[in-house]
Amino acid sequence: MASQDDRDVDPKTAAAVAAAEAAGPASGETVRIDSWIWAVRLVKTRSLGATACRGGHVRVNGERVKPAYSVRVGDEVRLRHEGRERIVVVKRLIRKRVGAPIAVQCYVDNSPPPPPREAVAPIGIRDRGTGRPTKRDRRELERLRDLGGPGGGAGSPGDRPRGR
C-alpha cells in the first residue's frame, strides 16, 4: 500500500528523484569531489570544480583536497567560489548533473547569507539621451571609476596636472 507522501508527490518530481537515484553511484562505488560539486550545481563546469580543488578553494572536513578525492555522505564541503564561501554537508552522492530542485536535496546548505547588493546605481552610468559627455564630465567619470577600482584612485604619473 502506498503511503500518503507517495500519493502527494508530483509525477515530474517523482521522475526527477528517480533520475537522481539512477545518477548515484552503485553500491560500494565512490564519487570524486570535483564531479560531486558540479553535479549538485555548486560550480558551472566540472573543470571549474577541478580547478577550484587544485587552487585550494575546496576543503572537505577542514582538509584541502585534490579533484580525485572520494566524497562520502556526511562530509562537510567548503567551497570558495565567486567571492563567496559555500558550506554544505553531503546528504546524497550523485555522479551526474541533475536539475536544481533535485540537486538541493543532495546537500544541507549551512552557508552564510550572501552579502546584500548595493542599492545605489553603479558608478559612471549616464542616463540615456543626455548626449556626449563634456571633457569635464569625462574626467569626473574617470575619477569616480579610479576611486571605485582596485587601485584606490592613485592613478598613473601621467594623470597629474602639470604646473607652468
Protein backbone atom coordinates (compact mmCIF):
# COMPACT_ATOMS: atom_id res chain seq x y z
CA MET A 1 0.00 0.00 0.00
CA ALA A 2 1.33 3.46 -0.91
CA SER A 3 1.91 5.99 1.85
CA GLN A 4 0.36 9.48 1.89
CA ASP A 5 3.70 11.02 0.86
CA ASP A 6 3.91 8.84 -2.25
CA ARG A 7 0.46 9.93 -3.43
CA ASP A 8 1.12 13.68 -2.89
CA VAL A 9 4.33 13.79 -4.93
CA ASP A 10 4.11 15.50 -8.32
CA PRO A 11 4.81 12.98 -11.14
CA LYS A 12 7.51 15.23 -12.58
CA THR A 13 9.24 15.48 -9.22
CA ALA A 14 8.98 11.72 -8.73
CA ALA A 15 10.57 11.16 -12.14
CA ALA A 16 13.35 13.62 -11.30
CA VAL A 17 14.03 11.90 -7.97
CA ALA A 18 14.19 8.57 -9.79
CA ALA A 19 16.67 10.09 -12.25
CA ALA A 20 18.77 11.35 -9.34
CA GLU A 21 18.76 7.89 -7.80
CA ALA A 22 19.91 6.49 -11.15
CA ALA A 23 22.62 9.17 -11.29
CA GLY A 24 24.03 7.94 -7.99
CA PRO A 25 26.92 5.51 -7.80
CA ALA A 26 26.34 1.77 -7.46
CA SER A 27 26.82 0.27 -4.01
CA GLY A 28 30.44 0.41 -2.96
CA GLU A 29 31.41 2.98 -5.60
CA THR A 30 32.63 6.46 -4.75
CA VAL A 31 32.20 9.91 -6.28
CA ARG A 32 35.01 12.37 -6.94
CA ILE A 33 34.68 15.74 -5.19
CA ASP A 34 35.07 17.75 -8.42
CA SER A 35 32.32 15.66 -10.02
CA TRP A 36 30.02 15.97 -7.00
CA ILE A 37 30.25 19.77 -6.65
CA TRP A 38 29.47 20.02 -10.37
CA ALA A 39 26.58 17.52 -10.17
CA VAL A 40 24.89 19.43 -7.32
CA ARG A 41 25.36 22.73 -9.20
CA LEU A 42 27.82 24.45 -6.87
CA VAL A 43 30.04 25.15 -9.91
CA LYS A 44 29.08 25.52 -13.57
CA THR A 45 31.51 23.01 -15.08
CA ARG A 46 33.44 20.02 -13.82
CA SER A 47 36.69 21.58 -14.97
CA LEU A 48 35.91 24.63 -12.79
CA GLY A 49 35.43 22.23 -9.89
CA ALA A 50 38.77 20.56 -10.57
CA THR A 51 40.48 23.95 -10.87
CA ALA A 52 38.96 25.06 -7.56
CA CYS A 53 40.29 21.90 -5.90
CA ARG A 54 43.77 22.40 -7.34
CA GLY A 55 43.75 26.03 -6.21
CA GLY A 56 42.93 25.08 -2.62
CA HIS A 57 39.41 26.54 -2.71
CA VAL A 58 37.71 23.25 -1.76
CA ARG A 59 38.00 21.74 1.71
CA VAL A 60 36.38 18.56 2.94
CA ASN A 61 36.15 18.25 6.72
CA GLY A 62 38.70 21.05 7.05
CA GLU A 63 41.32 19.48 4.75
CA ARG A 64 42.33 20.76 1.31
CA VAL A 65 41.55 18.10 -1.24
CA LYS A 66 42.57 17.15 -4.75
CA PRO A 67 39.96 16.75 -7.52
CA ALA A 68 40.02 12.94 -7.23
CA TYR A 69 39.18 12.90 -3.50
CA SER A 70 36.31 10.49 -2.76
CA VAL A 71 33.47 12.25 -1.01
CA ARG A 72 31.18 10.39 1.45
CA VAL A 73 27.74 11.06 2.91
CA GLY A 74 28.10 13.29 5.98
CA ASP A 75 31.23 15.13 4.80
CA GLU A 76 31.32 18.90 5.22
CA VAL A 77 32.39 20.59 1.97
CA ARG A 78 33.60 24.22 1.99
CA LEU A 79 33.88 25.87 -1.41
CA ARG A 80 35.12 29.42 -2.06
CA HIS A 81 33.68 30.47 -5.41
CA GLU A 82 32.83 33.83 -6.97
CA GLY A 83 33.73 35.80 -3.84
CA ARG A 84 31.52 33.71 -1.57
CA GLU A 85 32.07 30.73 0.69
CA ARG A 86 29.59 27.87 0.44
CA ILE A 87 29.40 25.38 3.31
CA VAL A 88 27.41 22.23 2.58
CA VAL A 89 27.00 18.82 4.19
CA VAL A 90 26.69 15.87 1.79
CA LYS A 91 23.32 14.08 2.08
CA ARG A 92 23.36 12.04 -1.13
CA LEU A 93 26.05 11.05 -3.60
CA ILE A 94 25.30 11.66 -7.25
CA ARG A 95 27.58 11.33 -10.22
CA LYS A 96 25.55 13.00 -13.00
CA ARG A 97 24.25 16.57 -13.10
CA VAL A 98 20.57 16.86 -12.22
CA GLY A 99 18.02 19.66 -12.10
CA ALA A 100 18.33 22.35 -9.44
CA PRO A 101 15.34 21.23 -7.31
CA ILE A 102 16.79 17.71 -7.09
CA ALA A 103 20.37 18.93 -6.58
CA VAL A 104 19.31 20.89 -3.49
CA GLN A 105 18.08 17.64 -1.93
CA CYS A 106 21.60 16.18 -2.14
CA TYR A 107 23.11 18.52 0.46
CA VAL A 108 22.33 20.62 3.52
CA ASP A 109 23.34 24.25 2.95
CA ASN A 110 24.97 25.84 6.02
CA SER A 111 26.39 28.80 4.09
CA PRO A 112 26.19 32.30 5.49
CA PRO A 113 23.72 34.50 3.61
CA PRO A 114 25.18 36.32 0.60
CA PRO A 115 26.15 39.94 1.18
CA PRO A 116 23.42 42.41 0.17
CA ARG A 117 23.81 44.08 -3.17
CA GLU A 118 24.23 47.82 -3.11
CA ALA A 119 21.02 49.70 -3.80
CA VAL A 120 22.82 52.66 -5.38
CA ALA A 121 23.34 52.96 -9.13
CA PRO A 122 26.67 51.78 -10.48
CA ILE A 123 29.39 54.41 -10.74
CA GLY A 124 29.83 56.01 -14.13
CA ILE A 125 26.48 55.20 -15.72
CA ARG A 126 24.91 58.07 -17.65
CA ASP A 127 21.24 58.48 -18.40
CA ARG A 128 20.13 57.78 -21.96
CA GLY A 129 19.65 60.83 -24.12
CA THR A 130 21.97 63.12 -22.17
CA GLY A 131 24.30 63.37 -25.12
CA ARG A 132 28.02 63.09 -25.38
CA PRO A 133 29.89 63.82 -22.13
CA THR A 134 31.90 67.02 -21.95
CA LYS A 135 35.58 66.89 -21.15
CA ARG A 136 34.76 67.82 -17.55
CA ASP A 137 32.12 65.07 -17.32
CA ARG A 138 34.55 62.52 -18.73
CA ARG A 139 37.24 63.46 -16.20
CA GLU A 140 34.73 63.15 -13.33
CA LEU A 141 33.68 59.72 -14.58
CA GLU A 142 37.30 58.59 -14.81
CA ARG A 143 37.99 59.91 -11.31
CA LEU A 144 34.98 58.03 -9.91
CA ARG A 145 35.97 54.83 -11.69
CA ASP A 146 39.51 55.10 -10.29
CA LEU A 147 38.17 55.55 -6.75
CA GLY A 148 35.90 52.51 -7.08
CA GLY A 149 38.56 50.33 -8.66
CA PRO A 150 41.19 48.09 -7.04
CA GLY A 151 43.93 50.76 -7.24
CA GLY A 152 42.19 53.14 -4.85
CA GLY A 153 42.50 56.18 -7.08
CA ALA A 154 46.27 56.56 -7.07
CA GLY A 155 46.34 56.94 -10.84
CA SER A 156 49.37 56.89 -13.05
CA PRO A 157 52.08 59.61 -13.10
CA GLY A 158 50.71 60.94 -16.40
CA ASP A 159 47.37 61.82 -14.73
CA ARG A 160 48.79 64.63 -12.59
CA PRO A 161 48.18 68.20 -13.75
CA ARG A 162 51.30 69.97 -14.89
CA GLY A 163 52.33 73.33 -13.50
CA ARG A 164 53.54 76.19 -15.68
